[in-house]
Amino acid sequence: MFRRAMADPRPEVGITIDGAAVRAREGDTVAAALLASGRDVRRRTAVSGAARLPFCMMGVCFDCLVSIDGVGNRQGCLIAVREGMRVEVQRGARQVGR
């Protein structure tokens, strides 16, 4: 559904998503990098387990919550990627060590 523009001249940065190496573009938000990765990036809500994808991309809806470098409940649409960042898609209630 989402694809990168082939003419995007920005340098790439390496991040991991759920332990898999992914290339993102400098200046991308975490949510944009997730969507462009082609991976299944649907988080699951803590109460019902309903699937969610990044939606508003401006910090209003909270559907882009992820864990970044071990810190949970981060809004991926508001955080720029950086080299070596570890991103985990949240699935249900966050638990210590996950």
C-alpha atoms as a PDB file:
ATOM      1  CA  MET A   1       0.000   0.000   0.000  1.00  0.00           C
ATOM      2  CA  PHE A   2       2.790   2.428   0.875  1.00  0.00           C
ATOM      3  CA  ARG A   3       5.906   2.823  -1.277  1.00  0.00           C
ATOM      4  CA  ARG A   4       8.862   5.142  -1.182  1.00  0.00           C
ATOM      5  CA  ALA A   5       9.468   7.608  -3.971  1.00  0.00           C
ATOM      6  CA  MET A   6      12.391   6.168  -5.917  1.00  0.00           C
ATOM      7  CA  ALA A   7      13.931   9.614  -6.376  1.00  0.00           C
ATOM      8  CA  ASP A   8      14.171  10.251  -2.611  1.00  0.00           C
ATOM      9  CA  PRO A   9      17.757  11.536  -2.173  1.00  0.00           C
ATOM     10  CA  ARG A  10      17.849  11.385   1.642  1.00  0.00           C
ATOM     11  CA  PRO A  11      20.473   9.088   3.166  1.00  0.00           C
ATOM     12  CA  GLU A  12      19.369   5.792   4.648  1.00  0.00           C
ATOM     13  CA  VAL A  13      19.600   4.817   8.313  1.00  0.00           C
ATOM     14  CA  GLY A  14      19.423   1.315   9.744  1.00  0.00           C
ATOM     15  CA  ILE A  15      16.805   0.460  12.360  1.00  0.00           C
ATOM     16  CA  THR A  16      15.344  -2.796  13.614  1.00  0.00           C
ATOM     17  CA  ILE A  17      11.638  -3.565  13.704  1.00  0.00           C
ATOM     18  CA  ASP A  18      10.743  -6.524  15.905  1.00  0.00           C
ATOM     19  CA  GLY A  19      14.347  -7.692  15.556  1.00  0.00           C
ATOM     20  CA  ALA A  20      14.507  -7.476  11.739  1.00  0.00           C
ATOM     21  CA  ALA A  21      16.910  -5.058  10.037  1.00  0.00           C
ATOM     22  CA  VAL A  22      15.089  -2.352   8.062  1.00  0.00           C
ATOM     23  CA  ARG A  23      16.389   0.620   6.081  1.00  0.00           C
ATOM     24  CA  ALA A  24      14.616   3.941   6.654  1.00  0.00           C
ATOM     25  CA  ARG A  25      15.288   7.437   5.359  1.00  0.00           C
ATOM     26  CA  GLU A  26      16.842  10.164   7.448  1.00  0.00           C
ATOM     27  CA  GLY A  27      14.014  12.446   8.582  1.00  0.00           C
ATOM     28  CA  ASP A  28      11.303   9.753   8.466  1.00  0.00           C
ATOM     29  CA  THR A  29       9.153   9.352  11.520  1.00  0.00           C
ATOM     30  CA  VAL A  30       9.055   5.906  13.073  1.00  0.00           C
ATOM     31  CA  ALA A  31       5.446   5.507  11.879  1.00  0.00           C
ATOM     32  CA  ALA A  32       6.382   6.423   8.295  1.00  0.00           C
ATOM     33  CA  ALA A  33       9.303   3.981   8.380  1.00  0.00           C
ATOM     34  CA  LEU A  34       7.000   1.244   9.698  1.00  0.00           C
ATOM     35  CA  LEU A  35       4.483   1.784   6.917  1.00  0.00           C
ATOM     36  CA  ALA A  36       7.185   1.972   4.227  1.00  0.00           C
ATOM     37  CA  SER A  37       8.883  -1.206   5.508  1.00  0.00           C
ATOM     38  CA  GLY A  38       6.317  -3.520   3.945  1.00  0.00           C
ATOM     39  CA  ARG A  39       6.116  -5.466   7.216  1.00  0.00           C
ATOM     40  CA  ASP A  40       2.962  -6.214   9.190  1.00  0.00           C
ATOM     41  CA  VAL A  41       3.040  -3.282  11.614  1.00  0.00           C
ATOM     42  CA  ARG A  42      -0.431  -3.549  13.124  1.00  0.00           C
ATOM     43  CA  ARG A  43      -0.312  -3.045  16.849  1.00  0.00           C
ATOM     44  CA  ARG A  44      -2.928  -4.647  19.105  1.00  0.00           C
ATOM     45  CA  THR A  45      -4.886  -2.659  21.663  1.00  0.00           C
ATOM     46  CA  ALA A  46      -4.439  -3.505  25.333  1.00  0.00           C
ATOM     47  CA  VAL A  47      -8.148  -3.996  26.093  1.00  0.00           C
ATOM     48  CA  SER A  48      -9.756  -5.745  23.110  1.00  0.00           C
ATOM     49  CA  GLY A  49      -6.734  -6.812  21.064  1.00  0.00           C
ATOM     50  CA  ALA A  50      -8.109  -4.931  18.037  1.00  0.00           C
ATOM     51  CA  ALA A  51      -5.616  -4.269  15.242  1.00  0.00           C
ATOM     52  CA  ARG A  52      -4.501  -0.680  14.641  1.00  0.00           C
ATOM     53  CA  LEU A  53      -2.248   1.052  12.087  1.00  0.00           C
ATOM     54  CA  PRO A  54      -0.766   4.548  12.190  1.00  0.00           C
ATOM     55  CA  PHE A  55      -3.686   6.762  11.192  1.00  0.00           C
ATOM     56  CA  CYS A  56      -3.503  10.514  11.745  1.00  0.00           C
ATOM     57  CA  MET A  57       0.320  10.822  11.545  1.00  0.00           C
ATOM     58  CA  MET A  58       0.227  13.957  13.731  1.00  0.00           C
ATOM     59  CA  GLY A  59      -0.029  12.735  17.324  1.00  0.00           C
ATOM     60  CA  VAL A  60      -3.783  12.890  17.875  1.00  0.00           C
ATOM     61  CA  CYS A  61      -5.081   9.309  17.602  1.00  0.00           C
ATOM     62  CA  PHE A  62      -2.422   7.180  19.422  1.00  0.00           C
ATOM     63  CA  ASP A  63      -2.830   4.326  16.896  1.00  0.00           C
ATOM     64  CA  CYS A  64       0.932   4.372  16.213  1.00  0.00           C
ATOM     65  CA  LEU A  65       2.099   3.383  19.723  1.00  0.00           C
ATOM     66  CA  VAL A  66       5.360   1.419  19.685  1.00  0.00           C
ATOM     67  CA  SER A  67       8.242   0.585  21.993  1.00  0.00           C
ATOM     68  CA  ILE A  68      11.452   2.404  21.065  1.00  0.00           C
ATOM     69  CA  ASP A  69      14.736   1.273  22.574  1.00  0.00           C
ATOM     70  CA  GLY A  70      12.820  -0.476  25.357  1.00  0.00           C
ATOM     71  CA  VAL A  71      10.507   2.423  26.222  1.00  0.00           C
ATOM     72  CA  GLY A  72       6.857   1.599  25.544  1.00  0.00           C
ATOM     73  CA  ASN A  73       3.827   3.647  24.539  1.00  0.00           C
ATOM     74  CA  ARG A  74       5.789   6.034  22.311  1.00  0.00           C
ATOM     75  CA  GLN A  75       3.915   7.773  19.511  1.00  0.00           C
ATOM     76  CA  GLY A  76       5.813   6.678  16.414  1.00  0.00           C
ATOM     77  CA  CYS A  77       4.411   9.504  14.302  1.00  0.00           C
ATOM     78  CA  LEU A  78       6.169  12.111  16.461  1.00  0.00           C
ATOM     79  CA  ILE A  79       9.641  10.545  16.683  1.00  0.00           C
ATOM     80  CA  ALA A  80      12.265  10.685  13.939  1.00  0.00           C
ATOM     81  CA  VAL A  81      14.260   7.545  13.176  1.00  0.00           C
ATOM     82  CA  ARG A  82      17.936   7.442  14.011  1.00  0.00           C
ATOM     83  CA  GLU A  83      20.691   4.952  13.229  1.00  0.00           C
ATOM     84  CA  GLY A  84      20.484   1.829  15.391  1.00  0.00           C
ATOM     85  CA  MET A  85      17.011   2.510  16.787  1.00  0.00           C
ATOM     86  CA  ARG A  86      15.178  -0.601  18.042  1.00  0.00           C
ATOM     87  CA  VAL A  87      11.428  -0.492  17.372  1.00  0.00           C
ATOM     88  CA  GLU A  88       8.924  -3.066  18.605  1.00  0.00           C
ATOM     89  CA  VAL A  89       5.299  -3.062  17.535  1.00  0.00           C
ATOM     90  CA  GLN A  90       3.124  -3.250  20.645  1.00  0.00           C
ATOM     91  CA  ARG A  91       0.767  -6.188  20.814  1.00  0.00           C
ATOM     92  CA  GLY A  92      -1.680  -5.853  23.671  1.00  0.00           C
ATOM     93  CA  ALA A  93      -0.801  -4.550  27.101  1.00  0.00           C
ATOM     94  CA  ARG A  94       2.884  -3.727  27.458  1.00  0.00           C
ATOM     95  CA  GLN A  95       4.737  -6.038  29.814  1.00  0.00           C
ATOM     96  CA  VAL A  96       8.090  -5.507  31.494  1.00  0.00           C
ATOM     97  CA  GLY A  97      10.825  -6.859  29.231  1.00  0.00           C
ATOM     98  CA  ARG A  98       8.671  -6.761  26.106  1.00  0.00           C
END
